[in-house]
Amino acid sequence: MATVYAHTNDGYVYATGSNFALIRGAGTGNVANSTSSATSLAIRSDVAAGRGGGSTYTITRTFMYFDTSGISTDVESATLKVRGYLQNSGDIIAVKATSDISSLATSDFDAIEGWSSTSDGSGGGDNESNVTKYSDEIATWSTSGYNDITLTSTALENMRDDDTVYICLMNYDHDLKDITPTGSNRNGLYYINYTGTSRDPYIDYTLAPTVSDNAVFFGTNF
């Protein structure tokens, strides 16, 4: 088993406003941060009472990427390992991000491969069939240890074929599915900028065994 750690430019972008559909369909967020060591709001899709009445909605998406240039053969299995932090009230999913996140900015809020900005807050802009999934839905989240996110066969192929693998971690039930939240959906995590490596995001992977061209069948060389 081998390990590759996230690049130091991992981080998050969030958008906030009084209308969920408008911020969810936005191409630009309000704030981008690639220097945080940890946040309890790394993956978020929730609503809170706004000042002076009304509601304030916030969506946060976490982005990270990994150098896979040293991988040139089939990957048998891989697990994205993310250390949780403080909050665990949402379901999440890992999807393929674009190379734009290599220099994280507010304009990367929707830097997700296949993403459509269509949104009505009632499922009309469900992007589940548009994005490239790198995991299944993750319904549990530990805040006291690492969360193991099993990567899909598509992610394994990208690890083999691409020099860099770009990942977005986002809320599944509300952000991906375009359903206006009625409460708090927040997941916290540690980023690569945390001191040392004991809580850094990384991928553990195993390469598929190689098969010799000079195979032996029943004692006969072919």
C-alpha atoms as a PDB file:
ATOM      1  CA  MET A   1       0.000   0.000   0.000  1.00  0.00           C
ATOM      2  CA  ALA A   2       1.250   3.481  -0.895  1.00  0.00           C
ATOM      3  CA  THR A   3       0.234   6.944   0.267  1.00  0.00           C
ATOM      4  CA  VAL A   4      -0.079  10.353  -1.374  1.00  0.00           C
ATOM      5  CA  TYR A   5      -0.902  13.483   0.639  1.00  0.00           C
ATOM      6  CA  ALA A   6      -3.044  16.420  -0.462  1.00  0.00           C
ATOM      7  CA  HIS A   7      -1.363  19.480  -1.931  1.00  0.00           C
ATOM      8  CA  THR A   8      -0.867  22.461   0.375  1.00  0.00           C
ATOM      9  CA  ASN A   9      -3.458  24.485  -1.563  1.00  0.00           C
ATOM     10  CA  ASP A  10      -6.385  22.463  -0.230  1.00  0.00           C
ATOM     11  CA  GLY A  11      -9.177  24.526   1.282  1.00  0.00           C
ATOM     12  CA  TYR A  12     -12.758  25.670   0.909  1.00  0.00           C
ATOM     13  CA  VAL A  13     -15.009  28.128  -0.895  1.00  0.00           C
ATOM     14  CA  TYR A  14     -18.344  29.251   0.480  1.00  0.00           C
ATOM     15  CA  ALA A  15     -21.317  31.260  -0.750  1.00  0.00           C
ATOM     16  CA  THR A  16     -23.968  32.813   1.450  1.00  0.00           C
ATOM     17  CA  GLY A  17     -27.181  34.756   0.939  1.00  0.00           C
ATOM     18  CA  SER A  18     -30.902  35.000   1.576  1.00  0.00           C
ATOM     19  CA  ASN A  19     -31.969  32.696  -1.294  1.00  0.00           C
ATOM     20  CA  PHE A  20     -30.732  29.114  -1.414  1.00  0.00           C
ATOM     21  CA  ALA A  21     -31.279  28.591  -5.149  1.00  0.00           C
ATOM     22  CA  LEU A  22     -29.354  31.745  -6.023  1.00  0.00           C
ATOM     23  CA  ILE A  23     -26.257  30.870  -3.997  1.00  0.00           C
ATOM     24  CA  ARG A  24     -26.377  27.218  -4.978  1.00  0.00           C
ATOM     25  CA  GLY A  25     -26.388  28.151  -8.659  1.00  0.00           C
ATOM     26  CA  ALA A  26     -23.735  30.834  -8.255  1.00  0.00           C
ATOM     27  CA  GLY A  27     -20.494  30.610 -10.201  1.00  0.00           C
ATOM     28  CA  THR A  28     -18.600  32.604  -7.594  1.00  0.00           C
ATOM     29  CA  GLY A  29     -18.467  32.278  -3.835  1.00  0.00           C
ATOM     30  CA  ASN A  30     -18.060  34.945  -1.178  1.00  0.00           C
ATOM     31  CA  VAL A  31     -14.881  33.635   0.453  1.00  0.00           C
ATOM     32  CA  ALA A  32     -12.075  31.236  -0.523  1.00  0.00           C
ATOM     33  CA  ASN A  33      -9.468  29.957   1.930  1.00  0.00           C
ATOM     34  CA  SER A  34      -6.501  27.707   1.144  1.00  0.00           C
ATOM     35  CA  THR A  35      -4.485  28.376   4.316  1.00  0.00           C
ATOM     36  CA  SER A  36      -6.820  27.020   7.000  1.00  0.00           C
ATOM     37  CA  SER A  37      -5.546  24.170   9.169  1.00  0.00           C
ATOM     38  CA  ALA A  38      -9.057  23.054  10.179  1.00  0.00           C
ATOM     39  CA  THR A  39     -12.652  24.239  10.209  1.00  0.00           C
ATOM     40  CA  SER A  40     -15.906  22.881  11.565  1.00  0.00           C
ATOM     41  CA  LEU A  41     -17.698  24.268   8.474  1.00  0.00           C
ATOM     42  CA  ALA A  42     -15.653  22.602   5.733  1.00  0.00           C
ATOM     43  CA  ILE A  43     -18.666  20.962   4.056  1.00  0.00           C
ATOM     44  CA  ARG A  44     -21.878  22.833   4.651  1.00  0.00           C
ATOM     45  CA  SER A  45     -25.398  23.386   3.401  1.00  0.00           C
ATOM     46  CA  ASP A  46     -27.600  25.008   6.019  1.00  0.00           C
ATOM     47  CA  VAL A  47     -29.905  27.828   7.037  1.00  0.00           C
ATOM     48  CA  ALA A  48     -29.819  30.213   9.981  1.00  0.00           C
ATOM     49  CA  ALA A  49     -31.921  33.138  11.087  1.00  0.00           C
ATOM     50  CA  GLY A  50     -30.782  36.305   9.345  1.00  0.00           C
ATOM     51  CA  ARG A  51     -30.180  39.606  11.056  1.00  0.00           C
ATOM     52  CA  GLY A  52     -33.339  41.648  11.072  1.00  0.00           C
ATOM     53  CA  GLY A  53     -35.474  38.660  10.073  1.00  0.00           C
ATOM     54  CA  GLY A  54     -35.525  36.266   7.166  1.00  0.00           C
ATOM     55  CA  SER A  55     -33.061  33.447   6.587  1.00  0.00           C
ATOM     56  CA  THR A  56     -29.416  33.180   5.618  1.00  0.00           C
ATOM     57  CA  TYR A  57     -28.273  30.153   3.611  1.00  0.00           C
ATOM     58  CA  THR A  58     -24.661  29.026   3.345  1.00  0.00           C
ATOM     59  CA  ILE A  59     -23.010  26.412   1.143  1.00  0.00           C
ATOM     60  CA  THR A  60     -19.376  25.424   1.658  1.00  0.00           C
ATOM     61  CA  ARG A  61     -17.438  23.079  -0.600  1.00  0.00           C
ATOM     62  CA  THR A  62     -14.000  21.700   0.224  1.00  0.00           C
ATOM     63  CA  PHE A  63     -11.430  21.192  -2.525  1.00  0.00           C
ATOM     64  CA  MET A  64      -8.195  19.213  -2.497  1.00  0.00           C
ATOM     65  CA  TYR A  65      -5.888  17.654  -5.035  1.00  0.00           C
ATOM     66  CA  PHE A  66      -3.223  14.979  -5.179  1.00  0.00           C
ATOM     67  CA  ASP A  67      -0.099  14.390  -7.260  1.00  0.00           C
ATOM     68  CA  THR A  68      -0.620  11.054  -8.999  1.00  0.00           C
ATOM     69  CA  SER A  69       2.108  11.494 -11.635  1.00  0.00           C
ATOM     70  CA  GLY A  70       4.029   8.568 -10.159  1.00  0.00           C
ATOM     71  CA  ILE A  71       1.193   6.130 -10.835  1.00  0.00           C
ATOM     72  CA  SER A  72       1.220   4.549 -14.294  1.00  0.00           C
ATOM     73  CA  THR A  73      -0.356   1.136 -13.758  1.00  0.00           C
ATOM     74  CA  ASP A  74      -3.824   0.011 -12.709  1.00  0.00           C
ATOM     75  CA  VAL A  75      -4.925   0.934  -9.209  1.00  0.00           C
ATOM     76  CA  GLU A  76      -6.666  -1.940  -7.478  1.00  0.00           C
ATOM     77  CA  SER A  77      -8.192   0.103  -4.638  1.00  0.00           C
ATOM     78  CA  ALA A  78      -7.879   3.508  -3.011  1.00  0.00           C
ATOM     79  CA  THR A  79      -9.262   5.234   0.061  1.00  0.00           C
ATOM     80  CA  LEU A  80      -9.395   8.964   0.657  1.00  0.00           C
ATOM     81  CA  LYS A  81      -8.763   9.483   4.365  1.00  0.00           C
ATOM     82  CA  VAL A  82      -9.990  12.721   5.942  1.00  0.00           C
ATOM     83  CA  ARG A  83      -9.670  13.556   9.624  1.00  0.00           C
ATOM     84  CA  GLY A  84     -12.963  14.912  10.992  1.00  0.00           C
ATOM     85  CA  TYR A  85     -13.247  17.997  13.175  1.00  0.00           C
ATOM     86  CA  LEU A  86     -16.003  19.147  15.588  1.00  0.00           C
ATOM     87  CA  GLN A  87     -19.156  18.812  13.425  1.00  0.00           C
ATOM     88  CA  ASN A  88     -20.776  15.826  11.689  1.00  0.00           C
ATOM     89  CA  SER A  89     -24.404  16.655  10.911  1.00  0.00           C
ATOM     90  CA  GLY A  90     -24.434  16.253   7.115  1.00  0.00           C
ATOM     91  CA  ASP A  91     -24.114  13.510   4.512  1.00  0.00           C
ATOM     92  CA  ILE A  92     -21.340  14.126   1.993  1.00  0.00           C
ATOM     93  CA  ILE A  93     -19.982  12.893  -1.320  1.00  0.00           C
ATOM     94  CA  ALA A  94     -16.655  13.180  -3.144  1.00  0.00           C
ATOM     95  CA  VAL A  95     -16.869  14.298  -6.777  1.00  0.00           C
ATOM     96  CA  LYS A  96     -14.352  15.208  -9.443  1.00  0.00           C
ATOM     97  CA  ALA A  97     -13.264  18.856  -9.406  1.00  0.00           C
ATOM     98  CA  THR A  98     -11.532  20.735 -12.217  1.00  0.00           C
ATOM     99  CA  SER A  99      -7.911  21.819 -12.427  1.00  0.00           C
ATOM    100  CA  ASP A 100      -8.989  25.397 -11.643  1.00  0.00           C
ATOM    101  CA  ILE A 101      -8.755  24.569  -7.940  1.00  0.00           C
ATOM    102  CA  SER A 102      -4.958  24.332  -8.118  1.00  0.00           C
ATOM    103  CA  SER A 103      -5.041  28.031  -7.222  1.00  0.00           C
ATOM    104  CA  LEU A 104      -8.131  28.266  -5.080  1.00  0.00           C
ATOM    105  CA  ALA A 105     -10.253  31.395  -5.481  1.00  0.00           C
ATOM    106  CA  THR A 106     -13.868  32.475  -5.034  1.00  0.00           C
ATOM    107  CA  SER A 107     -14.391  31.799  -8.750  1.00  0.00           C
ATOM    108  CA  ASP A 108     -13.814  28.090  -8.046  1.00  0.00           C
ATOM    109  CA  PHE A 109     -17.046  27.678  -6.097  1.00  0.00           C
ATOM    110  CA  ASP A 110     -18.486  25.646  -8.996  1.00  0.00           C
ATOM    111  CA  ALA A 111     -15.195  24.140 -10.241  1.00  0.00           C
ATOM    112  CA  ILE A 112     -16.773  20.688 -10.448  1.00  0.00           C
ATOM    113  CA  GLU A 113     -16.648  18.575 -13.584  1.00  0.00           C
ATOM    114  CA  GLY A 114     -20.092  18.387 -15.225  1.00  0.00           C
ATOM    115  CA  TRP A 115     -21.686  20.877 -12.832  1.00  0.00           C
ATOM    116  CA  SER A 116     -24.820  22.693 -13.969  1.00  0.00           C
ATOM    117  CA  SER A 117     -25.748  26.015 -12.374  1.00  0.00           C
ATOM    118  CA  THR A 118     -29.478  25.309 -12.743  1.00  0.00           C
ATOM    119  CA  SER A 119     -31.155  25.498  -9.331  1.00  0.00           C
ATOM    120  CA  ASP A 120     -34.639  25.968  -7.914  1.00  0.00           C
ATOM    121  CA  GLY A 121     -34.063  24.607  -4.410  1.00  0.00           C
ATOM    122  CA  SER A 122     -36.625  21.856  -4.972  1.00  0.00           C
ATOM    123  CA  GLY A 123     -34.564  19.282  -6.844  1.00  0.00           C
ATOM    124  CA  GLY A 124     -34.870  20.840 -10.292  1.00  0.00           C
ATOM    125  CA  GLY A 125     -31.121  21.326 -10.431  1.00  0.00           C
ATOM    126  CA  ASP A 126     -30.120  17.901  -9.093  1.00  0.00           C
ATOM    127  CA  ASN A 127     -26.562  17.360 -10.324  1.00  0.00           C
ATOM    128  CA  GLU A 128     -26.161  13.737  -9.287  1.00  0.00           C
ATOM    129  CA  SER A 129     -26.270  12.482 -12.884  1.00  0.00           C
ATOM    130  CA  ASN A 130     -24.055  15.313 -14.181  1.00  0.00           C
ATOM    131  CA  VAL A 131     -21.019  15.105 -11.923  1.00  0.00           C
ATOM    132  CA  THR A 132     -18.303  12.466 -11.898  1.00  0.00           C
ATOM    133  CA  LYS A 133     -18.678  10.636  -8.620  1.00  0.00           C
ATOM    134  CA  TYR A 134     -15.525   9.747  -6.759  1.00  0.00           C
ATOM    135  CA  SER A 135     -17.422   8.088  -3.898  1.00  0.00           C
ATOM    136  CA  ASP A 136     -20.829   6.926  -2.804  1.00  0.00           C
ATOM    137  CA  GLU A 137     -22.858   9.005  -0.352  1.00  0.00           C
ATOM    138  CA  ILE A 138     -21.146   9.119   3.052  1.00  0.00           C
ATOM    139  CA  ALA A 139     -23.823   9.048   5.762  1.00  0.00           C
ATOM    140  CA  THR A 140     -21.576   8.927   8.849  1.00  0.00           C
ATOM    141  CA  TRP A 141     -18.754  11.263   9.831  1.00  0.00           C
ATOM    142  CA  SER A 142     -16.331  10.841  12.726  1.00  0.00           C
ATOM    143  CA  THR A 143     -14.992  13.929  14.485  1.00  0.00           C
ATOM    144  CA  SER A 144     -12.527  11.931  16.578  1.00  0.00           C
ATOM    145  CA  GLY A 145     -10.598  10.116  13.862  1.00  0.00           C
ATOM    146  CA  TYR A 146     -10.137   9.572  10.163  1.00  0.00           C
ATOM    147  CA  ASN A 147     -13.070   9.033   7.823  1.00  0.00           C
ATOM    148  CA  ASP A 148     -12.430   6.427   5.128  1.00  0.00           C
ATOM    149  CA  ILE A 149     -13.919   7.361   1.763  1.00  0.00           C
ATOM    150  CA  THR A 150     -13.694   4.483  -0.698  1.00  0.00           C
ATOM    151  CA  LEU A 151     -12.906   5.860  -4.141  1.00  0.00           C
ATOM    152  CA  THR A 152     -14.827   4.722  -7.223  1.00  0.00           C
ATOM    153  CA  SER A 153     -13.454   2.873 -10.232  1.00  0.00           C
ATOM    154  CA  THR A 154     -13.510   6.169 -12.144  1.00  0.00           C
ATOM    155  CA  ALA A 155     -11.291   7.754  -9.515  1.00  0.00           C
ATOM    156  CA  LEU A 156      -8.914   4.788  -9.751  1.00  0.00           C
ATOM    157  CA  GLU A 157      -8.697   5.217 -13.515  1.00  0.00           C
ATOM    158  CA  ASN A 158      -7.995   8.937 -13.125  1.00  0.00           C
ATOM    159  CA  MET A 159      -5.256   8.174 -10.611  1.00  0.00           C
ATOM    160  CA  ARG A 160      -3.619   5.941 -13.233  1.00  0.00           C
ATOM    161  CA  ASP A 161      -4.130   8.212 -16.241  1.00  0.00           C
ATOM    162  CA  ASP A 162      -3.824  11.761 -14.849  1.00  0.00           C
ATOM    163  CA  ASP A 163      -0.867  13.502 -13.230  1.00  0.00           C
ATOM    164  CA  THR A 164      -3.208  15.194 -10.738  1.00  0.00           C
ATOM    165  CA  VAL A 165      -6.522  14.127  -9.230  1.00  0.00           C
ATOM    166  CA  TYR A 166      -8.846  16.985  -8.208  1.00  0.00           C
ATOM    167  CA  ILE A 167     -11.544  16.370  -5.601  1.00  0.00           C
ATOM    168  CA  CYS A 168     -14.490  18.300  -4.208  1.00  0.00           C
ATOM    169  CA  LEU A 169     -16.166  17.236  -0.965  1.00  0.00           C
ATOM    170  CA  MET A 170     -19.712  18.561  -0.829  1.00  0.00           C
ATOM    171  CA  ASN A 171     -22.999  18.078   0.975  1.00  0.00           C
ATOM    172  CA  TYR A 172     -25.006  15.322  -0.671  1.00  0.00           C
ATOM    173  CA  ASP A 173     -28.644  15.799   0.377  1.00  0.00           C
ATOM    174  CA  HIS A 174     -28.957  19.542  -0.221  1.00  0.00           C
ATOM    175  CA  ASP A 175     -26.055  20.879  -2.273  1.00  0.00           C
ATOM    176  CA  LEU A 176     -25.694  18.063  -4.804  1.00  0.00           C
ATOM    177  CA  LYS A 177     -29.428  17.276  -4.910  1.00  0.00           C
ATOM    178  CA  ASP A 178     -30.607  20.931  -4.934  1.00  0.00           C
ATOM    179  CA  ILE A 179     -32.915  20.652  -1.925  1.00  0.00           C
ATOM    180  CA  THR A 180     -33.293  23.743   0.273  1.00  0.00           C
ATOM    181  CA  PRO A 181     -32.094  22.889   3.797  1.00  0.00           C
ATOM    182  CA  THR A 182     -34.295  23.466   6.823  1.00  0.00           C
ATOM    183  CA  GLY A 183     -31.581  23.067   9.448  1.00  0.00           C
ATOM    184  CA  SER A 184     -27.876  22.581  10.039  1.00  0.00           C
ATOM    185  CA  ASN A 185     -25.786  20.283   7.831  1.00  0.00           C
ATOM    186  CA  ARG A 186     -22.128  20.747   8.705  1.00  0.00           C
ATOM    187  CA  ASN A 187     -19.020  18.575   8.556  1.00  0.00           C
ATOM    188  CA  GLY A 188     -15.645  19.688   9.845  1.00  0.00           C
ATOM    189  CA  LEU A 189     -12.211  18.467   8.824  1.00  0.00           C
ATOM    190  CA  TYR A 190      -8.487  19.095   9.022  1.00  0.00           C
ATOM    191  CA  TYR A 191      -6.488  20.383   6.049  1.00  0.00           C
ATOM    192  CA  ILE A 192      -2.892  19.806   5.010  1.00  0.00           C
ATOM    193  CA  ASN A 193      -1.811  23.061   6.694  1.00  0.00           C
ATOM    194  CA  TYR A 194      -2.301  21.498  10.118  1.00  0.00           C
ATOM    195  CA  THR A 195       1.078  21.165  11.848  1.00  0.00           C
ATOM    196  CA  GLY A 196       2.758  17.865  11.028  1.00  0.00           C
ATOM    197  CA  THR A 197       1.042  15.073   9.112  1.00  0.00           C
ATOM    198  CA  SER A 198      -0.965  13.297  11.813  1.00  0.00           C
ATOM    199  CA  ARG A 199      -4.262  14.848  10.677  1.00  0.00           C
ATOM    200  CA  ASP A 200      -3.600  15.617   7.019  1.00  0.00           C
ATOM    201  CA  PRO A 201      -5.857  14.390   4.194  1.00  0.00           C
ATOM    202  CA  TYR A 202      -4.279  11.591   2.164  1.00  0.00           C
ATOM    203  CA  ILE A 203      -5.041   8.730  -0.188  1.00  0.00           C
ATOM    204  CA  ASP A 204      -3.998   5.170   0.569  1.00  0.00           C
ATOM    205  CA  TYR A 205      -3.874   3.073  -2.582  1.00  0.00           C
ATOM    206  CA  THR A 206      -2.899  -0.383  -3.744  1.00  0.00           C
ATOM    207  CA  LEU A 207      -1.691  -1.108  -7.260  1.00  0.00           C
ATOM    208  CA  ALA A 208      -3.127  -4.055  -9.139  1.00  0.00           C
ATOM    209  CA  PRO A 209      -0.739  -6.997  -9.501  1.00  0.00           C
ATOM    210  CA  THR A 210       1.071  -7.111 -12.800  1.00  0.00           C
ATOM    211  CA  VAL A 211       0.554 -10.076 -15.103  1.00  0.00           C
ATOM    212  CA  SER A 212       3.508 -11.495 -16.971  1.00  0.00           C
ATOM    213  CA  ASP A 213       3.174 -11.880 -20.726  1.00  0.00           C
ATOM    214  CA  ASN A 214       5.000 -15.192 -20.378  1.00  0.00           C
ATOM    215  CA  ALA A 215       2.133 -16.856 -18.526  1.00  0.00           C
ATOM    216  CA  VAL A 216       2.362 -20.525 -17.597  1.00  0.00           C
ATOM    217  CA  PHE A 217      -0.775 -22.610 -18.012  1.00  0.00           C
ATOM    218  CA  PHE A 218      -0.807 -26.141 -16.712  1.00  0.00           C
ATOM    219  CA  GLY A 219       2.950 -26.371 -16.929  1.00  0.00           C
ATOM    220  CA  THR A 220       3.184 -25.132 -20.524  1.00  0.00           C
ATOM    221  CA  ASN A 221       4.709 -21.834 -21.638  1.00  0.00           C
ATOM    222  CA  PHE A 222       2.743 -19.769 -24.173  1.00  0.00           C
END
